[in-house]
Amino acid sequence: MSDHGSSARAILYAFVANLGIALAKLAAALYTRSGSMLAESIHSFADCGNQVLLYVGLKQSQRPPDAQHPLGYGKLSYFWSFIVALLLFSMGGVFSIYEGWHKLSAHEPLNKPWIALLVLGASIVLESGSLAGCLREIRKLRGGKSLRQWLASTRNAELVVVLGEDVAALVGLVLAMVFVALATLTGNPVFDAIGSIIIGVVLVCVSIFVAVRIKSLIVGRSAEEDLQQAIRHEISNDPAIRKLLNAITLQMGPQVMLAAKVQMAPGLSIEEAVAHINQLEKRIKAQFPEVHWCFMEPDDSD
């Protein structure tokens, strides 16, 4: 299953859902004067922009290698994912906290809050659909791993970001509904302001989690462990290889670079060793399509 295809579909699900939600929330926020609703509308508009940036990064990462970037542009997806995490922190989290703090000192009663509650209920349904679509695409890629294991090991930045956004959005919607309902039942608009602040804190926490996960990919991270083990097994079982001395992988977006140092079986001529290494490189690329660059070095020691 293509990582690019799954990521693009998850981004599309999230964009369509968030655009509809954002417009409905904004209208309800302006009409009801709800701080929680305004925070949620800004969050949803920010998410729409984030999905556009994720899609741009996904497409740019597919550009072929050139003289200036011999290992391609795969890491551009990590850059744009990190930018999205920063926007989620600033435009989503920090703004929501500011709006809630402002409402605490200058709160005003809500106007027809039932409108906000209806919009929030519909938004929860739409956001649940987006989250279900994201989880469906993740399920295609994670194999036998649990979701927690997949999150800890995956190199797919786009799906991590979309999942984080969807979870944050759903939690934020539920919180907004709870606090708007409290403000309605008690007649105290302070609850609405508190809801905005808590939503902001949730968004900040999610953005920090996403940023930490993306940081390791930007710095440079190896391929997933199961792929590394499979590659090592393939090299070690080659009859022309006496010993695998070392193997290094580097994740470049959806693609992987492999560099290995091997000890050849005794008795092989230079020409025979070269032929065996070339065959091994071709076999690895055919068996593991993620490996786009494969460099084998024969040696006696690491």
C-alpha atoms as a PDB file:
ATOM      1  CA  MET A   1       0.000   0.000   0.000  1.00  0.00           C
ATOM      2  CA  SER A   2       1.399   3.391  -1.053  1.00  0.00           C
ATOM      3  CA  ASP A   3       2.215   5.782   1.782  1.00  0.00           C
ATOM      4  CA  HIS A   4       1.571   8.691  -0.577  1.00  0.00           C
ATOM      5  CA  GLY A   5      -1.900   7.438  -1.526  1.00  0.00           C
ATOM      6  CA  SER A   6      -2.935   6.866   2.090  1.00  0.00           C
ATOM      7  CA  SER A   7      -1.597  10.259   3.183  1.00  0.00           C
ATOM      8  CA  ALA A   8      -3.336  12.098   0.334  1.00  0.00           C
ATOM      9  CA  ARG A   9      -6.688  10.476   1.112  1.00  0.00           C
ATOM     10  CA  ALA A  10      -6.395  11.237   4.840  1.00  0.00           C
ATOM     11  CA  ILE A  11      -5.533  14.876   4.050  1.00  0.00           C
ATOM     12  CA  LEU A  12      -8.539  15.143   1.710  1.00  0.00           C
ATOM     13  CA  TYR A  13     -10.927  13.699   4.325  1.00  0.00           C
ATOM     14  CA  ALA A  14      -9.659  16.192   6.900  1.00  0.00           C
ATOM     15  CA  PHE A  15      -9.800  19.209   4.551  1.00  0.00           C
ATOM     16  CA  VAL A  16     -13.378  18.610   3.401  1.00  0.00           C
ATOM     17  CA  ALA A  17     -14.598  18.019   6.953  1.00  0.00           C
ATOM     18  CA  ASN A  18     -12.763  21.007   8.431  1.00  0.00           C
ATOM     19  CA  LEU A  19     -13.873  23.460   5.744  1.00  0.00           C
ATOM     20  CA  GLY A  20     -17.541  22.700   6.336  1.00  0.00           C
ATOM     21  CA  ILE A  21     -17.053  22.729  10.100  1.00  0.00           C
ATOM     22  CA  ALA A  22     -15.112  26.015  10.068  1.00  0.00           C
ATOM     23  CA  LEU A  23     -17.790  27.902   8.129  1.00  0.00           C
ATOM     24  CA  ALA A  24     -20.570  26.605  10.371  1.00  0.00           C
ATOM     25  CA  LYS A  25     -18.622  27.388  13.542  1.00  0.00           C
ATOM     26  CA  LEU A  26     -17.778  30.920  12.414  1.00  0.00           C
ATOM     27  CA  ALA A  27     -21.405  31.721  11.654  1.00  0.00           C
ATOM     28  CA  ALA A  28     -22.504  30.295  15.004  1.00  0.00           C
ATOM     29  CA  ALA A  29     -19.707  32.121  16.878  1.00  0.00           C
ATOM     30  CA  LEU A  30     -20.631  35.501  15.394  1.00  0.00           C
ATOM     31  CA  TYR A  31     -24.313  34.970  16.112  1.00  0.00           C
ATOM     32  CA  THR A  32     -24.034  33.572  19.638  1.00  0.00           C
ATOM     33  CA  ARG A  33     -20.949  35.573  20.733  1.00  0.00           C
ATOM     34  CA  SER A  34     -19.459  32.349  22.129  1.00  0.00           C
ATOM     35  CA  GLY A  35     -15.724  32.445  22.882  1.00  0.00           C
ATOM     36  CA  SER A  36     -15.506  28.643  22.749  1.00  0.00           C
ATOM     37  CA  MET A  37     -17.154  28.657  19.317  1.00  0.00           C
ATOM     38  CA  LEU A  38     -14.843  31.398  18.037  1.00  0.00           C
ATOM     39  CA  ALA A  39     -11.813  29.473  19.283  1.00  0.00           C
ATOM     40  CA  GLU A  40     -13.126  26.359  17.564  1.00  0.00           C
ATOM     41  CA  SER A  41     -13.778  28.205  14.284  1.00  0.00           C
ATOM     42  CA  ILE A  42     -10.240  29.633  14.219  1.00  0.00           C
ATOM     43  CA  HIS A  43      -8.930  26.146  14.980  1.00  0.00           C
ATOM     44  CA  SER A  44     -10.881  24.653  12.063  1.00  0.00           C
ATOM     45  CA  PHE A  45      -9.783  27.367   9.587  1.00  0.00           C
ATOM     46  CA  ALA A  46      -6.190  26.827  10.733  1.00  0.00           C
ATOM     47  CA  ASP A  47      -6.645  23.095  10.148  1.00  0.00           C
ATOM     48  CA  CYS A  48      -7.842  23.779   6.583  1.00  0.00           C
ATOM     49  CA  GLY A  49      -4.695  25.782   5.905  1.00  0.00           C
ATOM     50  CA  ASN A  50      -2.633  23.058   7.535  1.00  0.00           C
ATOM     51  CA  GLN A  51      -4.072  20.411   5.220  1.00  0.00           C
ATOM     52  CA  VAL A  52      -3.181  22.562   2.209  1.00  0.00           C
ATOM     53  CA  LEU A  53       0.412  22.817   3.488  1.00  0.00           C
ATOM     54  CA  LEU A  54       0.565  19.058   4.113  1.00  0.00           C
ATOM     55  CA  TYR A  55      -0.611  18.397   0.556  1.00  0.00           C
ATOM     56  CA  VAL A  56       1.963  20.842  -0.836  1.00  0.00           C
ATOM     57  CA  GLY A  57       4.680  19.069   1.135  1.00  0.00           C
ATOM     58  CA  LEU A  58       3.444  15.666  -0.040  1.00  0.00           C
ATOM     59  CA  LYS A  59       3.600  16.723  -3.690  1.00  0.00           C
ATOM     60  CA  GLN A  60       6.950  18.516  -3.390  1.00  0.00           C
ATOM     61  CA  SER A  61       8.495  15.465  -1.714  1.00  0.00           C
ATOM     62  CA  GLN A  62       7.812  13.462  -4.886  1.00  0.00           C
ATOM     63  CA  ARG A  63      10.113  15.606  -7.035  1.00  0.00           C
ATOM     64  CA  PRO A  64      12.893  13.510  -8.589  1.00  0.00           C
ATOM     65  CA  PRO A  65      16.528  13.872  -7.433  1.00  0.00           C
ATOM     66  CA  ASP A  66      18.720  16.436  -9.179  1.00  0.00           C
ATOM     67  CA  ALA A  67      22.308  17.637  -9.023  1.00  0.00           C
ATOM     68  CA  GLN A  68      21.642  19.878  -6.003  1.00  0.00           C
ATOM     69  CA  HIS A  69      19.569  17.273  -4.149  1.00  0.00           C
ATOM     70  CA  PRO A  70      20.959  13.851  -5.139  1.00  0.00           C
ATOM     71  CA  LEU A  71      18.858  12.069  -2.492  1.00  0.00           C
ATOM     72  CA  GLY A  72      15.671  13.733  -3.646  1.00  0.00           C
ATOM     73  CA  TYR A  73      13.177  15.998  -1.882  1.00  0.00           C
ATOM     74  CA  GLY A  74      11.500  13.458   0.395  1.00  0.00           C
ATOM     75  CA  LYS A  75      12.294  15.375   3.579  1.00  0.00           C
ATOM     76  CA  LEU A  76      10.222  18.345   2.405  1.00  0.00           C
ATOM     77  CA  SER A  77       7.194  16.504   3.777  1.00  0.00           C
ATOM     78  CA  TYR A  78       8.831  16.636   7.228  1.00  0.00           C
ATOM     79  CA  PHE A  79       9.515  20.381   6.902  1.00  0.00           C
ATOM     80  CA  TRP A  80       5.907  21.232   6.046  1.00  0.00           C
ATOM     81  CA  SER A  81       4.609  18.889   8.753  1.00  0.00           C
ATOM     82  CA  PHE A  82       6.739  20.760  11.288  1.00  0.00           C
ATOM     83  CA  ILE A  83       5.379  24.097  10.016  1.00  0.00           C
ATOM     84  CA  VAL A  84       1.859  22.722  10.507  1.00  0.00           C
ATOM     85  CA  ALA A  85       2.731  21.800  14.104  1.00  0.00           C
ATOM     86  CA  LEU A  86       3.898  25.385  14.710  1.00  0.00           C
ATOM     87  CA  LEU A  87       0.702  26.801  13.196  1.00  0.00           C
ATOM     88  CA  LEU A  88      -1.411  24.441  15.298  1.00  0.00           C
ATOM     89  CA  PHE A  89       0.451  25.727  18.363  1.00  0.00           C
ATOM     90  CA  SER A  90       0.169  29.433  17.504  1.00  0.00           C
ATOM     91  CA  MET A  91      -3.029  29.946  15.490  1.00  0.00           C
ATOM     92  CA  GLY A  92      -4.908  27.183  17.258  1.00  0.00           C
ATOM     93  CA  GLY A  93      -3.662  26.797  20.816  1.00  0.00           C
ATOM     94  CA  VAL A  94      -2.268  30.190  21.770  1.00  0.00           C
ATOM     95  CA  PHE A  95      -5.110  32.114  20.122  1.00  0.00           C
ATOM     96  CA  SER A  96      -7.722  29.991  21.888  1.00  0.00           C
ATOM     97  CA  ILE A  97      -6.055  30.617  25.252  1.00  0.00           C
ATOM     98  CA  TYR A  98      -5.877  34.353  24.524  1.00  0.00           C
ATOM     99  CA  GLU A  99      -9.524  34.481  23.453  1.00  0.00           C
ATOM    100  CA  GLY A 100     -10.605  32.647  26.611  1.00  0.00           C
ATOM    101  CA  TRP A 101      -8.531  34.922  28.838  1.00  0.00           C
ATOM    102  CA  HIS A 102     -10.015  37.963  27.132  1.00  0.00           C
ATOM    103  CA  LYS A 103     -13.547  36.623  27.651  1.00  0.00           C
ATOM    104  CA  LEU A 104     -12.867  36.088  31.376  1.00  0.00           C
ATOM    105  CA  SER A 105     -12.305  39.803  31.866  1.00  0.00           C
ATOM    106  CA  ALA A 106     -14.930  41.006  29.378  1.00  0.00           C
ATOM    107  CA  HIS A 107     -17.515  38.248  29.199  1.00  0.00           C
ATOM    108  CA  GLU A 108     -20.974  38.769  27.803  1.00  0.00           C
ATOM    109  CA  PRO A 109     -24.041  36.504  27.782  1.00  0.00           C
ATOM    110  CA  LEU A 110     -24.476  34.036  24.948  1.00  0.00           C
ATOM    111  CA  ASN A 111     -27.088  34.734  22.277  1.00  0.00           C
ATOM    112  CA  LYS A 112     -29.252  31.677  21.495  1.00  0.00           C
ATOM    113  CA  PRO A 113     -26.608  29.142  22.571  1.00  0.00           C
ATOM    114  CA  TRP A 114     -28.715  26.257  21.236  1.00  0.00           C
ATOM    115  CA  ILE A 115     -27.483  27.263  17.776  1.00  0.00           C
ATOM    116  CA  ALA A 116     -23.903  26.753  18.903  1.00  0.00           C
ATOM    117  CA  LEU A 117     -24.807  23.385  20.430  1.00  0.00           C
ATOM    118  CA  LEU A 118     -26.441  22.216  17.183  1.00  0.00           C
ATOM    119  CA  VAL A 119     -23.401  23.275  15.146  1.00  0.00           C
ATOM    120  CA  LEU A 120     -21.060  21.568  17.601  1.00  0.00           C
ATOM    121  CA  GLY A 121     -23.108  18.371  17.439  1.00  0.00           C
ATOM    122  CA  ALA A 122     -22.990  18.345  13.637  1.00  0.00           C
ATOM    123  CA  SER A 123     -19.277  19.161  13.730  1.00  0.00           C
ATOM    124  CA  ILE A 124     -18.601  16.199  16.018  1.00  0.00           C
ATOM    125  CA  VAL A 125     -20.263  13.915  13.458  1.00  0.00           C
ATOM    126  CA  LEU A 126     -18.208  15.351  10.573  1.00  0.00           C
ATOM    127  CA  GLU A 127     -14.949  15.295  12.544  1.00  0.00           C
ATOM    128  CA  SER A 128     -15.604  11.703  13.600  1.00  0.00           C
ATOM    129  CA  GLY A 129     -15.896  10.825   9.914  1.00  0.00           C
ATOM    130  CA  SER A 130     -12.564  12.505   9.192  1.00  0.00           C
ATOM    131  CA  LEU A 131     -10.897  10.667  12.082  1.00  0.00           C
ATOM    132  CA  ALA A 132     -12.385   7.352  10.936  1.00  0.00           C
ATOM    133  CA  GLY A 133     -10.981   7.959   7.435  1.00  0.00           C
ATOM    134  CA  CYS A 134      -7.532   8.741   8.841  1.00  0.00           C
ATOM    135  CA  LEU A 135      -7.562   5.620  11.038  1.00  0.00           C
ATOM    136  CA  ARG A 136      -8.650   3.540   8.043  1.00  0.00           C
ATOM    137  CA  GLU A 137      -5.643   4.727   6.032  1.00  0.00           C
ATOM    138  CA  ILE A 138      -3.335   4.093   8.997  1.00  0.00           C
ATOM    139  CA  ARG A 139      -4.750   0.573   9.372  1.00  0.00           C
ATOM    140  CA  LYS A 140      -3.685  -0.179   5.805  1.00  0.00           C
ATOM    141  CA  LEU A 141      -0.082   0.680   6.662  1.00  0.00           C
ATOM    142  CA  ARG A 142       0.473  -0.455  10.240  1.00  0.00           C
ATOM    143  CA  GLY A 143       0.062  -4.193   9.591  1.00  0.00           C
ATOM    144  CA  GLY A 144       0.006  -6.145  12.838  1.00  0.00           C
ATOM    145  CA  LYS A 145       1.152  -3.224  14.976  1.00  0.00           C
ATOM    146  CA  SER A 146      -1.110  -1.540  17.485  1.00  0.00           C
ATOM    147  CA  LEU A 147      -1.867   2.144  16.956  1.00  0.00           C
ATOM    148  CA  ARG A 148       0.495   3.033  19.824  1.00  0.00           C
ATOM    149  CA  GLN A 149       3.307   0.958  18.278  1.00  0.00           C
ATOM    150  CA  TRP A 150       2.677   2.494  14.876  1.00  0.00           C
ATOM    151  CA  LEU A 151       2.821   6.029  16.288  1.00  0.00           C
ATOM    152  CA  ALA A 152       6.126   5.233  17.999  1.00  0.00           C
ATOM    153  CA  SER A 153       7.760   3.770  14.890  1.00  0.00           C
ATOM    154  CA  THR A 154       6.155   5.298  11.796  1.00  0.00           C
ATOM    155  CA  ARG A 155       8.087   7.597   9.473  1.00  0.00           C
ATOM    156  CA  ASN A 156       4.889   8.902   7.824  1.00  0.00           C
ATOM    157  CA  ALA A 157       4.771  12.522   8.998  1.00  0.00           C
ATOM    158  CA  GLU A 158       1.571  13.490   7.189  1.00  0.00           C
ATOM    159  CA  LEU A 159      -0.580  10.812   8.779  1.00  0.00           C
ATOM    160  CA  VAL A 160       0.830  11.606  12.233  1.00  0.00           C
ATOM    161  CA  VAL A 161      -0.113  15.272  11.767  1.00  0.00           C
ATOM    162  CA  VAL A 162      -3.600  14.533  10.389  1.00  0.00           C
ATOM    163  CA  LEU A 163      -4.268  12.071  13.212  1.00  0.00           C
ATOM    164  CA  GLY A 164      -3.103  14.627  15.797  1.00  0.00           C
ATOM    165  CA  GLU A 165      -5.276  17.339  14.266  1.00  0.00           C
ATOM    166  CA  ASP A 166      -8.349  15.105  14.096  1.00  0.00           C
ATOM    167  CA  VAL A 167      -7.992  13.945  17.694  1.00  0.00           C
ATOM    168  CA  ALA A 168      -7.404  17.508  18.915  1.00  0.00           C
ATOM    169  CA  ALA A 169     -10.376  18.752  16.919  1.00  0.00           C
ATOM    170  CA  LEU A 170     -12.706  16.064  18.258  1.00  0.00           C
ATOM    171  CA  VAL A 171     -11.608  16.622  21.863  1.00  0.00           C
ATOM    172  CA  GLY A 172     -11.967  20.378  21.365  1.00  0.00           C
ATOM    173  CA  LEU A 173     -15.490  19.987  19.977  1.00  0.00           C
ATOM    174  CA  VAL A 174     -16.598  17.850  22.908  1.00  0.00           C
ATOM    175  CA  LEU A 175     -15.089  20.334  25.364  1.00  0.00           C
ATOM    176  CA  ALA A 176     -16.722  23.260  23.579  1.00  0.00           C
ATOM    177  CA  MET A 177     -20.111  21.527  23.727  1.00  0.00           C
ATOM    178  CA  VAL A 178     -19.703  20.765  27.432  1.00  0.00           C
ATOM    179  CA  PHE A 179     -18.732  24.326  28.378  1.00  0.00           C
ATOM    180  CA  VAL A 180     -21.310  26.014  26.144  1.00  0.00           C
ATOM    181  CA  ALA A 181     -23.925  23.747  27.730  1.00  0.00           C
ATOM    182  CA  LEU A 182     -22.680  24.683  31.222  1.00  0.00           C
ATOM    183  CA  ALA A 183     -22.800  28.368  30.330  1.00  0.00           C
ATOM    184  CA  THR A 184     -26.362  27.889  29.057  1.00  0.00           C
ATOM    185  CA  LEU A 185     -27.616  25.911  32.061  1.00  0.00           C
ATOM    186  CA  THR A 186     -26.043  28.165  34.676  1.00  0.00           C
ATOM    187  CA  GLY A 187     -26.409  31.458  32.840  1.00  0.00           C
ATOM    188  CA  ASN A 188     -22.740  32.105  33.628  1.00  0.00           C
ATOM    189  CA  PRO A 189     -20.678  32.953  30.476  1.00  0.00           C
ATOM    190  CA  VAL A 190     -17.452  32.385  32.442  1.00  0.00           C
ATOM    191  CA  PHE A 191     -17.813  28.687  31.643  1.00  0.00           C
ATOM    192  CA  ASP A 192     -17.599  29.529  27.940  1.00  0.00           C
ATOM    193  CA  ALA A 193     -14.338  31.430  28.485  1.00  0.00           C
ATOM    194  CA  ILE A 194     -12.887  28.576  30.538  1.00  0.00           C
ATOM    195  CA  GLY A 195     -13.798  26.195  27.718  1.00  0.00           C
ATOM    196  CA  SER A 196     -11.835  28.295  25.245  1.00  0.00           C
ATOM    197  CA  ILE A 197      -8.755  28.215  27.484  1.00  0.00           C
ATOM    198  CA  ILE A 198      -8.924  24.436  27.982  1.00  0.00           C
ATOM    199  CA  ILE A 199      -9.349  23.895  24.231  1.00  0.00           C
ATOM    200  CA  GLY A 200      -6.234  26.005  23.688  1.00  0.00           C
ATOM    201  CA  VAL A 201      -4.264  23.930  26.191  1.00  0.00           C
ATOM    202  CA  VAL A 202      -5.316  20.724  24.387  1.00  0.00           C
ATOM    203  CA  LEU A 203      -4.169  22.141  21.042  1.00  0.00           C
ATOM    204  CA  VAL A 204      -0.825  23.242  22.491  1.00  0.00           C
ATOM    205  CA  CYS A 205      -0.225  19.754  23.937  1.00  0.00           C
ATOM    206  CA  VAL A 206      -1.077  18.041  20.643  1.00  0.00           C
ATOM    207  CA  SER A 207       1.111  20.441  18.647  1.00  0.00           C
ATOM    208  CA  ILE A 208       4.069  19.785  20.964  1.00  0.00           C
ATOM    209  CA  PHE A 209       3.581  16.020  20.573  1.00  0.00           C
ATOM    210  CA  VAL A 210       3.482  16.327  16.771  1.00  0.00           C
ATOM    211  CA  ALA A 211       6.521  18.635  16.693  1.00  0.00           C
ATOM    212  CA  VAL A 212       8.584  16.213  18.802  1.00  0.00           C
ATOM    213  CA  ARG A 213       7.673  13.305  16.499  1.00  0.00           C
ATOM    214  CA  ILE A 214       8.564  15.287  13.370  1.00  0.00           C
ATOM    215  CA  LYS A 215      11.812  16.669  14.826  1.00  0.00           C
ATOM    216  CA  SER A 216      13.519  13.262  14.806  1.00  0.00           C
ATOM    217  CA  LEU A 217      12.587  12.798  11.148  1.00  0.00           C
ATOM    218  CA  ILE A 218      13.998  16.183  10.174  1.00  0.00           C
ATOM    219  CA  VAL A 219      17.261  15.474  12.009  1.00  0.00           C
ATOM    220  CA  GLY A 220      17.560  12.119  10.249  1.00  0.00           C
ATOM    221  CA  ARG A 221      16.096   8.806  11.336  1.00  0.00           C
ATOM    222  CA  SER A 222      16.703   5.236  10.269  1.00  0.00           C
ATOM    223  CA  ALA A 223      14.108   3.148   8.449  1.00  0.00           C
ATOM    224  CA  GLU A 224      11.516   1.280  10.490  1.00  0.00           C
ATOM    225  CA  GLU A 225      12.944  -1.629  12.496  1.00  0.00           C
ATOM    226  CA  ASP A 226      11.101  -4.391  10.635  1.00  0.00           C
ATOM    227  CA  LEU A 227      12.442  -3.096   7.309  1.00  0.00           C
ATOM    228  CA  GLN A 228      15.980  -2.906   8.706  1.00  0.00           C
ATOM    229  CA  GLN A 229      15.789  -6.480   9.950  1.00  0.00           C
ATOM    230  CA  ALA A 230      14.435  -7.735   6.631  1.00  0.00           C
ATOM    231  CA  ILE A 231      17.247  -6.008   4.724  1.00  0.00           C
ATOM    232  CA  ARG A 232      19.904  -7.394   7.060  1.00  0.00           C
ATOM    233  CA  HIS A 233      18.426 -10.866   6.708  1.00  0.00           C
ATOM    234  CA  GLU A 234      18.490 -10.603   2.907  1.00  0.00           C
ATOM    235  CA  ILE A 235      22.133  -9.496   2.874  1.00  0.00           C
ATOM    236  CA  SER A 236      23.317 -12.058   5.434  1.00  0.00           C
ATOM    237  CA  ASN A 237      21.656 -14.945   3.550  1.00  0.00           C
ATOM    238  CA  ASP A 238      23.388 -14.150   0.275  1.00  0.00           C
ATOM    239  CA  PRO A 239      25.811 -17.054  -0.416  1.00  0.00           C
ATOM    240  CA  ALA A 240      28.462 -14.621  -1.701  1.00  0.00           C
ATOM    241  CA  ILE A 241      28.425 -12.655   1.586  1.00  0.00           C
ATOM    242  CA  ARG A 242      30.491 -14.117   4.403  1.00  0.00           C
ATOM    243  CA  LYS A 243      29.458 -11.500   6.952  1.00  0.00           C
ATOM    244  CA  LEU A 244      27.427  -8.304   7.152  1.00  0.00           C
ATOM    245  CA  LEU A 245      29.750  -5.864   8.889  1.00  0.00           C
ATOM    246  CA  ASN A 246      27.417  -2.874   9.100  1.00  0.00           C
ATOM    247  CA  ALA A 247      24.213  -1.534   7.567  1.00  0.00           C
ATOM    248  CA  ILE A 248      22.891   2.016   7.856  1.00  0.00           C
ATOM    249  CA  THR A 249      19.500   3.211   6.657  1.00  0.00           C
ATOM    250  CA  LEU A 250      18.196   6.770   6.414  1.00  0.00           C
ATOM    251  CA  GLN A 251      14.561   7.682   5.901  1.00  0.00           C
ATOM    252  CA  MET A 252      14.100  10.304   3.180  1.00  0.00           C
ATOM    253  CA  GLY A 253      10.367  10.942   3.241  1.00  0.00           C
ATOM    254  CA  PRO A 254       8.721   7.788   1.857  1.00  0.00           C
ATOM    255  CA  GLN A 255      12.062   6.610   0.439  1.00  0.00           C
ATOM    256  CA  VAL A 256      15.026   4.947   2.134  1.00  0.00           C
ATOM    257  CA  MET A 257      18.782   5.153   1.557  1.00  0.00           C
ATOM    258  CA  LEU A 258      20.814   2.036   2.418  1.00  0.00           C
ATOM    259  CA  ALA A 259      24.588   1.877   2.909  1.00  0.00           C
ATOM    260  CA  ALA A 260      26.141  -1.466   3.868  1.00  0.00           C
ATOM    261  CA  LYS A 261      29.637  -2.808   4.438  1.00  0.00           C
ATOM    262  CA  VAL A 262      30.046  -6.541   3.765  1.00  0.00           C
ATOM    263  CA  GLN A 263      32.760  -9.162   3.934  1.00  0.00           C
ATOM    264  CA  MET A 264      32.755 -11.279   0.782  1.00  0.00           C
ATOM    265  CA  ALA A 265      33.118 -15.057   0.764  1.00  0.00           C
ATOM    266  CA  PRO A 266      36.728 -16.174   0.278  1.00  0.00           C
ATOM    267  CA  GLY A 267      37.948 -17.200  -3.137  1.00  0.00           C
ATOM    268  CA  LEU A 268      35.971 -14.666  -5.165  1.00  0.00           C
ATOM    269  CA  SER A 269      37.762 -12.560  -7.725  1.00  0.00           C
ATOM    270  CA  ILE A 270      37.184  -8.805  -7.839  1.00  0.00           C
ATOM    271  CA  GLU A 271      35.010  -9.226 -10.922  1.00  0.00           C
ATOM    272  CA  GLU A 272      32.920 -11.942  -9.260  1.00  0.00           C
ATOM    273  CA  ALA A 273      32.537  -9.904  -6.080  1.00  0.00           C
ATOM    274  CA  VAL A 274      31.388  -6.861  -8.061  1.00  0.00           C
ATOM    275  CA  ALA A 275      28.881  -8.970 -10.000  1.00  0.00           C
ATOM    276  CA  HIS A 276      27.454 -10.470  -6.787  1.00  0.00           C
ATOM    277  CA  ILE A 277      27.157  -7.037  -5.145  1.00  0.00           C
ATOM    278  CA  ASN A 278      25.361  -5.621  -8.188  1.00  0.00           C
ATOM    279  CA  GLN A 279      22.917  -8.540  -8.169  1.00  0.00           C
ATOM    280  CA  LEU A 280      22.319  -8.110  -4.433  1.00  0.00           C
ATOM    281  CA  GLU A 281      21.608  -4.387  -4.830  1.00  0.00           C
ATOM    282  CA  LYS A 282      19.090  -5.087  -7.604  1.00  0.00           C
ATOM    283  CA  ARG A 283      17.427  -7.805  -5.529  1.00  0.00           C
ATOM    284  CA  ILE A 284      17.109  -5.538  -2.497  1.00  0.00           C
ATOM    285  CA  LYS A 285      15.545  -2.729  -4.548  1.00  0.00           C
ATOM    286  CA  ALA A 286      13.116  -5.185  -6.147  1.00  0.00           C
ATOM    287  CA  GLN A 287      12.133  -6.804  -2.842  1.00  0.00           C
ATOM    288  CA  PHE A 288      11.967  -3.542  -0.883  1.00  0.00           C
ATOM    289  CA  PRO A 289      10.563  -0.790  -3.154  1.00  0.00           C
ATOM    290  CA  GLU A 290      11.124   1.792  -0.393  1.00  0.00           C
ATOM    291  CA  VAL A 291      14.890   1.462  -0.923  1.00  0.00           C
ATOM    292  CA  HIS A 292      15.730   3.936  -3.693  1.00  0.00           C
ATOM    293  CA  TRP A 293      19.457   4.208  -3.011  1.00  0.00           C
ATOM    294  CA  CYS A 294      21.653   1.203  -2.200  1.00  0.00           C
ATOM    295  CA  PHE A 295      25.415   1.428  -1.659  1.00  0.00           C
ATOM    296  CA  MET A 296      27.393  -1.764  -0.935  1.00  0.00           C
ATOM    297  CA  GLU A 297      31.045  -1.689   0.088  1.00  0.00           C
ATOM    298  CA  PRO A 298      33.150  -4.878   0.303  1.00  0.00           C
ATOM    299  CA  ASP A 299      35.648  -4.805   3.183  1.00  0.00           C
ATOM    300  CA  ASP A 300      37.433  -6.936   5.774  1.00  0.00           C
ATOM    301  CA  SER A 301      36.403  -4.948   8.864  1.00  0.00           C
ATOM    302  CA  ASP A 302      33.899  -2.337   9.903  1.00  0.00           C
END
